Protein backbone atom coordinates (compact mmCIF):
# COMPACT_ATOMS: atom_id res chain seq x y z
CA MET A 1 -33.39 12.84 -60.44
CA ARG A 2 -37.20 12.78 -59.46
CA GLN A 3 -40.04 13.49 -61.89
CA PHE A 4 -42.79 15.08 -61.80
CA THR A 5 -45.64 16.43 -64.15
CA THR A 6 -46.80 19.95 -64.98
CA GLY A 7 -50.25 18.66 -63.14
CA ASP A 8 -48.49 17.28 -60.02
CA LEU A 9 -46.57 21.00 -60.04
CA ASN A 10 -50.25 22.60 -59.93
CA LYS A 11 -51.51 20.12 -57.15
CA GLN A 12 -48.65 19.56 -55.04
CA VAL A 13 -46.66 22.59 -55.24
CA GLY A 14 -45.33 22.19 -52.07
CA ASP A 15 -43.79 19.00 -52.18
CA VAL A 16 -42.16 19.93 -55.61
CA THR A 17 -40.69 22.88 -54.78
CA ASP A 18 -39.22 21.23 -51.94
CA ALA A 19 -37.58 18.21 -54.01
CA ALA A 20 -36.03 21.16 -56.24
CA SER A 21 -34.92 22.45 -53.17
CA ARG A 22 -32.59 19.78 -52.46
CA GLU A 23 -31.58 18.74 -56.35
CA PRO A 24 -32.84 19.62 -59.73
CA VAL A 25 -36.23 17.66 -60.95
CA VAL A 26 -37.84 17.13 -64.00
CA LEU A 27 -41.33 18.15 -65.19
CA THR A 28 -42.61 16.03 -67.58
CA ARG A 29 -45.83 17.16 -69.80
CA HIS A 30 -47.18 14.50 -71.83
CA SER A 31 -45.09 11.96 -70.25
CA LYS A 32 -41.79 14.02 -71.85
CA PRO A 33 -39.14 15.81 -69.71
CA ARG A 34 -40.12 19.66 -70.66
CA PHE A 35 -38.60 21.79 -68.10
CA VAL A 36 -36.06 21.88 -65.12
CA LEU A 37 -36.92 22.68 -61.74
CA MET A 38 -33.91 23.50 -59.46
CA SER A 39 -33.22 25.73 -56.56
CA TYR A 40 -31.97 29.83 -57.25
CA GLU A 41 -28.72 29.01 -55.36
CA HIS A 42 -28.19 25.95 -57.49
CA TYR A 43 -28.89 27.91 -60.57
CA GLU A 44 -26.39 30.55 -59.71
CA ARG A 45 -23.85 28.49 -58.92
CA MET A 46 -23.78 26.91 -62.91
CA ARG A 47 -24.41 29.68 -64.15
CA SER A 48 -21.19 31.39 -62.44
CA GLY A 49 -18.86 28.39 -63.08
CA THR A 50 -18.10 28.50 -59.18
CA ASP A 51 -19.96 24.91 -58.18
CA PRO A 52 -16.46 23.17 -56.98
CA ARG A 53 -17.85 19.53 -57.76
CA ARG A 54 -16.81 17.48 -60.63
CA ALA A 55 -16.52 14.59 -61.86
CA HIS A 56 -13.33 12.87 -62.45
CA ALA A 57 -12.35 9.58 -63.98
CA ILE A 58 -10.83 7.18 -61.60
CA SER A 59 -7.10 7.46 -63.60
CA GLU A 60 -7.37 11.45 -62.54
CA MET A 61 -7.57 10.81 -58.56
CA PRO A 62 -4.18 10.54 -56.16
CA ASP A 63 -3.08 7.35 -55.47
CA GLU A 64 -4.42 7.86 -51.74
CA HIS A 65 -7.88 8.75 -52.90
CA ALA A 66 -8.12 6.00 -55.45
CA GLU A 67 -7.72 3.41 -52.70
CA LEU A 68 -9.88 5.10 -50.11
CA PHE A 69 -12.32 4.99 -53.05
CA GLY A 70 -11.59 1.24 -53.89
CA GLU A 71 -11.87 0.32 -50.19
CA ALA A 72 -15.04 1.83 -50.09
CA ILE A 73 -16.82 0.28 -53.13
CA GLU A 74 -15.64 -3.05 -51.69
CA ARG A 75 -17.67 -2.21 -48.60
CA LEU A 76 -20.67 -1.41 -50.31
CA ALA A 77 -20.46 -4.22 -52.51
CA LYS A 78 -20.15 -6.62 -48.95
CA GLY A 79 -23.91 -4.67 -48.19
CA GLU A 80 -22.24 -2.21 -45.81
CA GLY A 81 -23.40 1.61 -45.92
CA TYR A 82 -22.10 4.75 -44.15
CA ASP A 83 -23.88 3.81 -41.43
CA ASP A 84 -21.52 0.77 -40.68
CA GLU A 85 -18.55 3.73 -40.20
CA PRO A 86 -17.32 4.09 -37.04
């Protein structure tokens, strides 16, 4: 998660809000996290509980997904990235 100071918000409002449109950003004051800035759409998904994204333990994955996940991790460990896929 990106961080900006509250001073950055005053000086670079465009950069800060652009970053917040993609993901929540932390606003710090005196080097301490004070606020989180996010898009309204992201806030609504969180508030309403309609965000379909969830974290799962690998033990909860269907076997075929766990196998694909393991293969992807191996490729990344070898230095192959998503751009290398056919």
